[in-house]
C-alpha atoms as a PDB file:
ATOM      1  CA  UNK A   1      15.465  16.833  -0.490  1.00  0.00           C
ATOM      2  CA  UNK A   2      11.447  18.151  -1.737  1.00  0.00           C
ATOM      3  CA  UNK A   3       9.589  17.018  -4.514  1.00  0.00           C
ATOM      4  CA  UNK A   4      10.413  17.934  -8.074  1.00  0.00           C
ATOM      5  CA  UNK A   5       8.065  20.910  -9.182  1.00  0.00           C
ATOM      6  CA  UNK A   6       5.650  18.139 -11.038  1.00  0.00           C
ATOM      7  CA  UNK A   7       5.456  15.897  -8.300  1.00  0.00           C
ATOM      8  CA  UNK A   8       4.847  18.280  -5.798  1.00  0.00           C
ATOM      9  CA  UNK A   9       1.402  19.188  -8.135  1.00  0.00           C
ATOM     10  CA  UNK A  10       0.876  15.529  -8.489  1.00  0.00           C
ATOM     11  CA  UNK A  11       0.844  15.210  -4.591  1.00  0.00           C
ATOM     12  CA  UNK A  12      -1.468  18.215  -4.109  1.00  0.00           C
ATOM     13  CA  UNK A  13      -4.070  16.019  -6.619  1.00  0.00           C
ATOM     14  CA  UNK A  14      -3.192  13.228  -3.790  1.00  0.00           C
ATOM     15  CA  UNK A  15      -4.569  15.477  -1.141  1.00  0.00           C
ATOM     16  CA  UNK A  16      -7.390  16.340  -2.603  1.00  0.00           C
ATOM     17  CA  UNK A  17      -8.314  12.874  -3.340  1.00  0.00           C
ATOM     18  CA  UNK A  18      -7.428  11.300  -0.316  1.00  0.00           C
ATOM     19  CA  UNK A  19      -9.300  13.985   1.792  1.00  0.00           C
ATOM     20  CA  UNK A  20     -12.344  13.239  -0.537  1.00  0.00           C
ATOM     21  CA  UNK A  21     -11.825   9.908   0.566  1.00  0.00           C
ATOM     22  CA  UNK A  22     -11.761  10.285   4.221  1.00  0.00           C
ATOM     23  CA  UNK A  23     -14.638  12.204   4.181  1.00  0.00           C
ATOM     24  CA  UNK A  24     -16.710   9.924   2.168  1.00  0.00           C
ATOM     25  CA  UNK A  25     -16.022   7.218   4.010  1.00  0.00           C
ATOM     26  CA  UNK A  26     -16.274   8.288   7.694  1.00  0.00           C
ATOM     27  CA  UNK A  27     -20.233   8.113   7.960  1.00  0.00           C
ATOM     28  CA  UNK A  28     -20.380   4.424   6.407  1.00  0.00           C
ATOM     29  CA  UNK A  29     -17.120   2.882   8.010  1.00  0.00           C
ATOM     30  CA  UNK A  30     -18.095   0.422  10.850  1.00  0.00           C
ATOM     31  CA  UNK A  31     -22.119   0.595   9.855  1.00  0.00           C
ATOM     32  CA  UNK A  32     -24.007  -2.308   8.496  1.00  0.00           C
ATOM     33  CA  UNK A  33     -23.976  -0.747   5.143  1.00  0.00           C
ATOM     34  CA  UNK A  34     -20.784  -0.640   4.641  1.00  0.00           C
ATOM     35  CA  UNK A  35     -19.957  -4.132   3.806  1.00  0.00           C
ATOM     36  CA  UNK A  36     -23.071  -4.928   1.442  1.00  0.00           C
ATOM     37  CA  UNK A  37     -22.327  -6.564  -1.963  1.00  0.00           C
ATOM     38  CA  UNK A  38     -22.439  -4.122  -4.905  1.00  0.00           C
ATOM     39  CA  UNK A  39     -20.600  -6.367  -7.666  1.00  0.00           C
ATOM     40  CA  UNK A  40     -17.688  -8.167  -8.684  1.00  0.00           C
ATOM     41  CA  UNK A  41     -14.727  -6.098  -8.837  1.00  0.00           C
ATOM     42  CA  UNK A  42     -11.865  -5.527 -12.115  1.00  0.00           C
ATOM     43  CA  UNK A  43      -9.744  -7.816  -9.228  1.00  0.00           C
ATOM     44  CA  UNK A  44     -12.249 -10.236  -9.359  1.00  0.00           C
ATOM     45  CA  UNK A  45     -13.603  -9.994  -5.867  1.00  0.00           C
ATOM     46  CA  UNK A  46     -16.336  -8.620  -4.086  1.00  0.00           C
ATOM     47  CA  UNK A  47     -16.830  -4.837  -4.571  1.00  0.00           C
ATOM     48  CA  UNK A  48     -18.721  -3.966  -0.992  1.00  0.00           C
ATOM     49  CA  UNK A  49     -20.314  -1.024  -0.703  1.00  0.00           C
ATOM     50  CA  UNK A  50     -17.812   1.122   1.112  1.00  0.00           C
ATOM     51  CA  UNK A  51     -15.212  -0.022  -1.953  1.00  0.00           C
ATOM     52  CA  UNK A  52     -17.834   1.981  -4.065  1.00  0.00           C
ATOM     53  CA  UNK A  53     -18.201   4.979  -2.012  1.00  0.00           C
ATOM     54  CA  UNK A  54     -14.281   5.404  -1.793  1.00  0.00           C
ATOM     55  CA  UNK A  55     -13.881   5.093  -5.678  1.00  0.00           C
ATOM     56  CA  UNK A  56     -16.093   7.231  -6.763  1.00  0.00           C
ATOM     57  CA  UNK A  57     -14.891  10.310  -4.081  1.00  0.00           C
ATOM     58  CA  UNK A  58     -11.136   9.070  -5.089  1.00  0.00           C
ATOM     59  CA  UNK A  59     -11.951   9.646  -8.898  1.00  0.00           C
ATOM     60  CA  UNK A  60     -14.121  13.099  -8.583  1.00  0.00           C
ATOM     61  CA  UNK A  61     -10.725  15.038  -8.445  1.00  0.00           C
ATOM     62  CA  UNK A  62      -9.376  13.772 -11.113  1.00  0.00           C
ATOM     63  CA  UNK A  63     -11.898  14.753 -13.293  1.00  0.00           C
ATOM     64  CA  UNK A  64     -11.872  18.207 -12.240  1.00  0.00           C
ATOM     65  CA  UNK A  65      -7.870  18.665 -12.577  1.00  0.00           C
ATOM     66  CA  UNK A  66      -7.499  19.255 -15.970  1.00  0.00           C
ATOM     67  CA  UNK A  67      -5.128  16.706 -16.887  1.00  0.00           C
ATOM     68  CA  UNK A  68      -5.546  13.127 -18.438  1.00  0.00           C
ATOM     69  CA  UNK A  69      -4.902   9.674 -16.656  1.00  0.00           C
ATOM     70  CA  UNK A  70      -4.747   6.238 -17.235  1.00  0.00           C
ATOM     71  CA  UNK A  71      -6.179   4.699 -14.156  1.00  0.00           C
ATOM     72  CA  UNK A  72      -5.927   0.871 -12.768  1.00  0.00           C
ATOM     73  CA  UNK A  73      -8.154   0.692  -9.836  1.00  0.00           C
ATOM     74  CA  UNK A  74      -9.290  -2.469  -7.731  1.00  0.00           C
ATOM     75  CA  UNK A  75     -13.178  -2.097  -8.278  1.00  0.00           C
ATOM     76  CA  UNK A  76     -13.267  -0.325 -11.953  1.00  0.00           C
ATOM     77  CA  UNK A  77     -10.397  -1.802 -13.726  1.00  0.00           C
ATOM     78  CA  UNK A  78      -8.306  -0.178 -16.283  1.00  0.00           C
ATOM     79  CA  UNK A  79     -10.358   3.264 -17.539  1.00  0.00           C
ATOM     80  CA  UNK A  80      -9.034   6.723 -19.174  1.00  0.00           C
ATOM     81  CA  UNK A  81     -10.280   9.744 -17.257  1.00  0.00           C
ATOM     82  CA  UNK A  82      -9.814  13.023 -19.096  1.00  0.00           C
ATOM     83  CA  UNK A  83      -8.069  13.502 -22.549  1.00  0.00           C
ATOM     84  CA  UNK A  84      -4.627  12.830 -23.640  1.00  0.00           C
ATOM     85  CA  UNK A  85      -3.458  10.872 -20.699  1.00  0.00           C
ATOM     86  CA  UNK A  86      -0.112  11.626 -19.870  1.00  0.00           C
ATOM     87  CA  UNK A  87       0.048  10.118 -16.989  1.00  0.00           C
ATOM     88  CA  UNK A  88      -0.446   6.241 -15.353  1.00  0.00           C
ATOM     89  CA  UNK A  89      -2.111   6.234 -12.138  1.00  0.00           C
ATOM     90  CA  UNK A  90      -2.121   2.869 -10.092  1.00  0.00           C
ATOM     91  CA  UNK A  91      -5.365   3.412  -7.350  1.00  0.00           C
ATOM     92  CA  UNK A  92      -6.489   1.530  -4.331  1.00  0.00           C
ATOM     93  CA  UNK A  93      -9.088   3.625  -2.968  1.00  0.00           C
ATOM     94  CA  UNK A  94      -9.685   1.664  -0.064  1.00  0.00           C
ATOM     95  CA  UNK A  95      -6.936  -0.754   1.091  1.00  0.00           C
ATOM     96  CA  UNK A  96      -8.427  -2.339   4.664  1.00  0.00           C
ATOM     97  CA  UNK A  97     -11.553  -2.893   3.068  1.00  0.00           C
ATOM     98  CA  UNK A  98     -12.238  -5.405   6.078  1.00  0.00           C
ATOM     99  CA  UNK A  99     -11.255  -3.063   8.579  1.00  0.00           C
ATOM    100  CA  UNK A 100     -13.194  -0.131   7.415  1.00  0.00           C
ATOM    101  CA  UNK A 101     -16.587  -2.285   7.405  1.00  0.00           C
ATOM    102  CA  UNK A 102     -15.660  -3.282  11.004  1.00  0.00           C
ATOM    103  CA  UNK A 103     -15.111  -0.069  12.293  1.00  0.00           C
ATOM    104  CA  UNK A 104     -11.456  -1.043  12.965  1.00  0.00           C
ATOM    105  CA  UNK A 105      -9.273   2.112  12.618  1.00  0.00           C
ATOM    106  CA  UNK A 106      -6.691   1.295  10.219  1.00  0.00           C
ATOM    107  CA  UNK A 107      -7.206   1.777   6.767  1.00  0.00           C
ATOM    108  CA  UNK A 108      -5.729   3.785   4.008  1.00  0.00           C
ATOM    109  CA  UNK A 109      -5.606   5.076   0.259  1.00  0.00           C
ATOM    110  CA  UNK A 110      -2.898   3.888  -1.930  1.00  0.00           C
ATOM    111  CA  UNK A 111      -1.369   6.050  -5.117  1.00  0.00           C
ATOM    112  CA  UNK A 112       1.096   5.964  -7.355  1.00  0.00           C
ATOM    113  CA  UNK A 113       1.188   8.430 -10.575  1.00  0.00           C
ATOM    114  CA  UNK A 114       4.269   7.786 -13.260  1.00  0.00           C
ATOM    115  CA  UNK A 115       4.461   9.736 -16.949  1.00  0.00           C
ATOM    116  CA  UNK A 116       7.471   7.715 -17.341  1.00  0.00           C
ATOM    117  CA  UNK A 117       9.837  10.219 -15.730  1.00  0.00           C
ATOM    118  CA  UNK A 118       8.119  11.405 -12.787  1.00  0.00           C
ATOM    119  CA  UNK A 119       7.168   8.883 -10.377  1.00  0.00           C
ATOM    120  CA  UNK A 120       5.148   9.743  -6.728  1.00  0.00           C
ATOM    121  CA  UNK A 121       4.122   7.086  -4.336  1.00  0.00           C
ATOM    122  CA  UNK A 122       1.361   8.556  -2.160  1.00  0.00           C
ATOM    123  CA  UNK A 123      -0.478   6.658   1.087  1.00  0.00           C
ATOM    124  CA  UNK A 124      -2.875   8.487   3.287  1.00  0.00           C
ATOM    125  CA  UNK A 125      -4.107   7.153   6.982  1.00  0.00           C
ATOM    126  CA  UNK A 126      -7.656   7.660   6.240  1.00  0.00           C
ATOM    127  CA  UNK A 127      -8.389   7.641  10.061  1.00  0.00           C
ATOM    128  CA  UNK A 128      -5.402   9.625  11.518  1.00  0.00           C
ATOM    129  CA  UNK A 129      -4.889  11.342   8.492  1.00  0.00           C
ATOM    130  CA  UNK A 130      -1.472  10.891   7.961  1.00  0.00           C
ATOM    131  CA  UNK A 131       0.246  11.069   4.844  1.00  0.00           C
ATOM    132  CA  UNK A 132       3.127   9.357   3.399  1.00  0.00           C
ATOM    133  CA  UNK A 133       5.062  10.298   0.294  1.00  0.00           C
ATOM    134  CA  UNK A 134       8.347   9.580  -1.814  1.00  0.00           C
ATOM    135  CA  UNK A 135      10.010   9.967  -5.081  1.00  0.00           C
ATOM    136  CA  UNK A 136      12.684   8.171  -6.771  1.00  0.00           C
ATOM    137  CA  UNK A 137      16.162   9.501  -5.507  1.00  0.00           C
ATOM    138  CA  UNK A 138      13.914  11.979  -3.302  1.00  0.00           C
ATOM    139  CA  UNK A 139      13.744  10.260   0.074  1.00  0.00           C
ATOM    140  CA  UNK A 140      10.558   9.293   1.764  1.00  0.00           C
ATOM    141  CA  UNK A 141       8.311  11.720   3.962  1.00  0.00           C
ATOM    142  CA  UNK A 142       5.169  11.395   6.698  1.00  0.00           C
ATOM    143  CA  UNK A 143       3.068  14.596   6.488  1.00  0.00           C
ATOM    144  CA  UNK A 144       0.419  14.930   9.177  1.00  0.00           C
ATOM    145  CA  UNK A 145       1.519  18.126  11.972  1.00  0.00           C
ATOM    146  CA  UNK A 146       5.192  18.823  10.059  1.00  0.00           C
ATOM    147  CA  UNK A 147       6.522  17.364   7.555  1.00  0.00           C
ATOM    148  CA  UNK A 148       9.310  14.981   8.516  1.00  0.00           C
ATOM    149  CA  UNK A 149      11.840  12.342   5.957  1.00  0.00           C
ATOM    150  CA  UNK A 150      11.865   8.762   7.299  1.00  0.00           C
ATOM    151  CA  UNK A 151      14.190   5.515   7.477  1.00  0.00           C
ATOM    152  CA  UNK A 152      13.505   1.970   8.373  1.00  0.00           C
ATOM    153  CA  UNK A 153      14.496   0.745  11.946  1.00  0.00           C
ATOM    154  CA  UNK A 154      18.030   0.131  12.940  1.00  0.00           C
ATOM    155  CA  UNK A 155      17.065  -2.960  14.634  1.00  0.00           C
ATOM    156  CA  UNK A 156      19.753  -6.084  13.658  1.00  0.00           C
ATOM    157  CA  UNK A 157      18.786  -8.747  15.548  1.00  0.00           C
ATOM    158  CA  UNK A 158      15.494 -10.964  14.465  1.00  0.00           C
ATOM    159  CA  UNK A 159      14.948 -11.567  18.064  1.00  0.00           C
ATOM    160  CA  UNK A 160      14.081  -7.875  18.376  1.00  0.00           C
ATOM    161  CA  UNK A 161      12.097  -7.710  15.648  1.00  0.00           C
ATOM    162  CA  UNK A 162       8.234  -6.779  15.354  1.00  0.00           C
ATOM    163  CA  UNK A 163       6.672  -7.504  12.106  1.00  0.00           C
ATOM    164  CA  UNK A 164       3.444  -7.332  10.221  1.00  0.00           C
ATOM    165  CA  UNK A 165       2.741 -11.151   8.619  1.00  0.00           C
ATOM    166  CA  UNK A 166      -0.029 -12.914   6.429  1.00  0.00           C
ATOM    167  CA  UNK A 167      -0.261 -16.447   5.240  1.00  0.00           C
ATOM    168  CA  UNK A 168      -3.017 -18.739   3.813  1.00  0.00           C
ATOM    169  CA  UNK A 169      -4.105 -22.381   4.592  1.00  0.00           C
ATOM    170  CA  UNK A 170      -2.775 -24.639   4.019  1.00  0.00           C
ATOM    171  CA  UNK A 171       0.508 -23.078   3.859  1.00  0.00           C
ATOM    172  CA  UNK A 172       0.874 -21.616   7.245  1.00  0.00           C
ATOM    173  CA  UNK A 173       3.930 -23.365   7.921  1.00  0.00           C
ATOM    174  CA  UNK A 174       5.870 -21.187   5.439  1.00  0.00           C
ATOM    175  CA  UNK A 175       5.643 -18.209   8.651  1.00  0.00           C
ATOM    176  CA  UNK A 176       5.976 -20.798  11.587  1.00  0.00           C
ATOM    177  CA  UNK A 177      10.221 -20.332  11.357  1.00  0.00           C
ATOM    178  CA  UNK A 178      10.074 -16.605  11.679  1.00  0.00           C
ATOM    179  CA  UNK A 179       7.774 -16.385  14.343  1.00  0.00           C
ATOM    180  CA  UNK A 180       9.613 -18.607  16.440  1.00  0.00           C
ATOM    181  CA  UNK A 181      11.842 -16.424  16.274  1.00  0.00           C
ATOM    182  CA  UNK A 182      11.108 -12.417  16.075  1.00  0.00           C
ATOM    183  CA  UNK A 183       9.757 -10.898  19.450  1.00  0.00           C
ATOM    184  CA  UNK A 184       6.180  -9.485  18.483  1.00  0.00           C
ATOM    185  CA  UNK A 185       4.117 -10.528  15.365  1.00  0.00           C
ATOM    186  CA  UNK A 186       0.958  -8.729  14.121  1.00  0.00           C
ATOM    187  CA  UNK A 187      -1.648  -8.657  11.445  1.00  0.00           C
ATOM    188  CA  UNK A 188      -2.666  -5.354  10.743  1.00  0.00           C
ATOM    189  CA  UNK A 189      -4.903  -5.654   7.660  1.00  0.00           C
ATOM    190  CA  UNK A 190      -3.813  -3.130   5.333  1.00  0.00           C
ATOM    191  CA  UNK A 191      -0.986  -3.585   3.013  1.00  0.00           C
ATOM    192  CA  UNK A 192      -0.031   0.086   1.917  1.00  0.00           C
ATOM    193  CA  UNK A 193       0.047   1.237   5.203  1.00  0.00           C
ATOM    194  CA  UNK A 194       2.088  -1.795   6.987  1.00  0.00           C
ATOM    195  CA  UNK A 195       4.599  -0.782   4.413  1.00  0.00           C
ATOM    196  CA  UNK A 196       4.893   3.012   4.982  1.00  0.00           C
ATOM    197  CA  UNK A 197       4.980   1.474   8.846  1.00  0.00           C
ATOM    198  CA  UNK A 198       8.042  -0.277   7.746  1.00  0.00           C
ATOM    199  CA  UNK A 199       9.391   2.611   5.763  1.00  0.00           C
ATOM    200  CA  UNK A 200       8.629   4.631   8.905  1.00  0.00           C
ATOM    201  CA  UNK A 201      10.722   2.667  11.149  1.00  0.00           C
ATOM    202  CA  UNK A 202       7.849   1.541  13.157  1.00  0.00           C
ATOM    203  CA  UNK A 203       7.482  -2.307  11.726  1.00  0.00           C
ATOM    204  CA  UNK A 204      11.038  -3.880  11.224  1.00  0.00           C
ATOM    205  CA  UNK A 205       9.320  -5.985   8.532  1.00  0.00           C
ATOM    206  CA  UNK A 206       6.433  -7.091   6.590  1.00  0.00           C
ATOM    207  CA  UNK A 207       5.852 -10.313   5.218  1.00  0.00           C
ATOM    208  CA  UNK A 208       3.178 -11.343   2.905  1.00  0.00           C
ATOM    209  CA  UNK A 209       2.805 -15.261   1.831  1.00  0.00           C
ATOM    210  CA  UNK A 210      -1.117 -15.722   0.585  1.00  0.00           C
ATOM    211  CA  UNK A 211       0.320 -15.148  -3.209  1.00  0.00           C
ATOM    212  CA  UNK A 212      -2.326 -12.764  -3.632  1.00  0.00           C
ATOM    213  CA  UNK A 213      -0.949  -8.857  -3.415  1.00  0.00           C
ATOM    214  CA  UNK A 214      -1.941  -7.243  -6.102  1.00  0.00           C
ATOM    215  CA  UNK A 215      -0.060  -4.037  -7.937  1.00  0.00           C
ATOM    216  CA  UNK A 216      -2.473  -1.438  -6.711  1.00  0.00           C
ATOM    217  CA  UNK A 217      -1.995  -2.656  -3.261  1.00  0.00           C
ATOM    218  CA  UNK A 218       1.685  -2.263  -2.779  1.00  0.00           C
ATOM    219  CA  UNK A 219       3.669  -0.347  -5.546  1.00  0.00           C
ATOM    220  CA  UNK A 220       3.207   3.318  -3.647  1.00  0.00           C
ATOM    221  CA  UNK A 221       4.554   1.239  -0.420  1.00  0.00           C
ATOM    222  CA  UNK A 222       7.286  -0.597  -2.395  1.00  0.00           C
ATOM    223  CA  UNK A 223       8.609   2.739  -3.305  1.00  0.00           C
ATOM    224  CA  UNK A 224       8.035   4.207   0.035  1.00  0.00           C
ATOM    225  CA  UNK A 225      10.299   1.279   1.592  1.00  0.00           C
ATOM    226  CA  UNK A 226      13.450   1.491  -0.850  1.00  0.00           C
ATOM    227  CA  UNK A 227      13.442   5.325  -0.440  1.00  0.00           C
ATOM    228  CA  UNK A 228      13.370   5.023   3.057  1.00  0.00           C
ATOM    229  CA  UNK A 229      16.245   2.766   3.259  1.00  0.00           C
ATOM    230  CA  UNK A 230      14.892  -0.841   2.902  1.00  0.00           C
ATOM    231  CA  UNK A 231      14.651  -3.787   0.884  1.00  0.00           C
ATOM    232  CA  UNK A 232      11.390  -5.015  -0.972  1.00  0.00           C
ATOM    233  CA  UNK A 233      11.596  -8.743  -2.626  1.00  0.00           C
ATOM    234  CA  UNK A 234       9.743 -11.662  -3.452  1.00  0.00           C
ATOM    235  CA  UNK A 235       9.723 -14.918  -1.301  1.00  0.00           C
ATOM    236  CA  UNK A 236      12.896 -16.234  -3.169  1.00  0.00           C
ATOM    237  CA  UNK A 237      14.967 -12.809  -2.701  1.00  0.00           C
ATOM    238  CA  UNK A 238      13.910 -12.014  -6.144  1.00  0.00           C
ATOM    239  CA  UNK A 239      13.394  -8.109  -6.954  1.00  0.00           C
ATOM    240  CA  UNK A 240       9.634  -7.258  -7.903  1.00  0.00           C
ATOM    241  CA  UNK A 241       8.808  -6.284 -11.227  1.00  0.00           C
ATOM    242  CA  UNK A 242       4.899  -5.759 -10.953  1.00  0.00           C
ATOM    243  CA  UNK A 243       3.071  -4.845 -14.315  1.00  0.00           C
ATOM    244  CA  UNK A 244      -0.097  -3.065 -14.591  1.00  0.00           C
ATOM    245  CA  UNK A 245      -1.519  -6.375 -14.638  1.00  0.00           C
ATOM    246  CA  UNK A 246      -4.890  -6.449 -12.430  1.00  0.00           C
ATOM    247  CA  UNK A 247      -4.229  -9.912 -12.215  1.00  0.00           C
ATOM    248  CA  UNK A 248      -0.940 -10.749 -11.310  1.00  0.00           C
ATOM    249  CA  UNK A 249      -0.444 -11.832  -7.959  1.00  0.00           C
ATOM    250  CA  UNK A 250       2.972 -12.106  -5.669  1.00  0.00           C
ATOM    251  CA  UNK A 251       4.351 -12.699  -2.289  1.00  0.00           C
ATOM    252  CA  UNK A 252       6.111 -10.090  -0.877  1.00  0.00           C
ATOM    253  CA  UNK A 253       8.558  -9.450   1.763  1.00  0.00           C
ATOM    254  CA  UNK A 254       9.746  -5.973   2.847  1.00  0.00           C
ATOM    255  CA  UNK A 255      12.022  -4.955   5.761  1.00  0.00           C
ATOM    256  CA  UNK A 256      14.609  -2.531   7.035  1.00  0.00           C
ATOM    257  CA  UNK A 257      17.265  -4.562   5.045  1.00  0.00           C
ATOM    258  CA  UNK A 258      19.731  -5.707   8.044  1.00  0.00           C
ATOM    259  CA  UNK A 259      17.882  -9.453   8.268  1.00  0.00           C
ATOM    260  CA  UNK A 260      16.446  -9.845   5.068  1.00  0.00           C
ATOM    261  CA  UNK A 261      18.178 -12.934   3.846  1.00  0.00           C
ATOM    262  CA  UNK A 262      17.821 -14.237   7.151  1.00  0.00           C
ATOM    263  CA  UNK A 263      14.150 -13.893   7.085  1.00  0.00           C
ATOM    264  CA  UNK A 264      14.011 -15.448   3.299  1.00  0.00           C
ATOM    265  CA  UNK A 265      15.616 -18.344   5.042  1.00  0.00           C
ATOM    266  CA  UNK A 266      13.472 -18.926   7.899  1.00  0.00           C
ATOM    267  CA  UNK A 267      10.602 -18.722   5.043  1.00  0.00           C
ATOM    268  CA  UNK A 268      12.069 -21.744   2.566  1.00  0.00           C
ATOM    269  CA  UNK A 269      12.337 -23.704   5.741  1.00  0.00           C
ATOM    270  CA  UNK A 270       8.521 -24.223   5.831  1.00  0.00           C
ATOM    271  CA  UNK A 271       6.272 -26.061   2.932  1.00  0.00           C
ATOM    272  CA  UNK A 272       5.663 -23.968  -0.307  1.00  0.00           C
END
């Protein structure tokens, strides 16, 4: 199933935004200047030079597109671009800042756009150029040299699972039970792209127990996983109801859905 006409136009805008960011950050990624401190962003964390460059590059096509947007972005917070905004956009211009600063080739732009009727999730791998997108009821897709529908993996045994997992001191015991069971555990460093990897069957699950994920980090990836047939909950197994607040933080468990309950039980065995 292809995107609706409105979502298709929004995807074209996302393509322009993401291409702009990829070009803007390519020359600074991995350099000493990329990590210089600029300010404290709207999310309460330090804004690095490369974050600022990425955000400015992402917003430039919005200012020229002729439509109005209310934008929630990691660095600038909430603002209005254009007149009479019909769309709300959750924007993470550079998810995986640490990786980009240190020249680790795994970082992305994440965009979620909604007008109350149409919803589009979009993530672009800023190194490889691969684009992922989804619309409710329309499935999830990967676009590189071709456009292909994606589905979560069919892995049905935890002992065969390959996952990406995060935790934080002093609660690292929460992930130990999972780590003792699964086949492989990684930490890749860009939540939006890792969620797309779950949607695309490259990872069987993504687990983040830091309690610090923000709505702009994951809202696009959540729809991607769900449209690809997977499951996303918090660490208690409850469906995530993310607001438009930059200050809201959450745990997140995304999986192919086949062993989701078992993962939750293993997490519950750790210390909260």
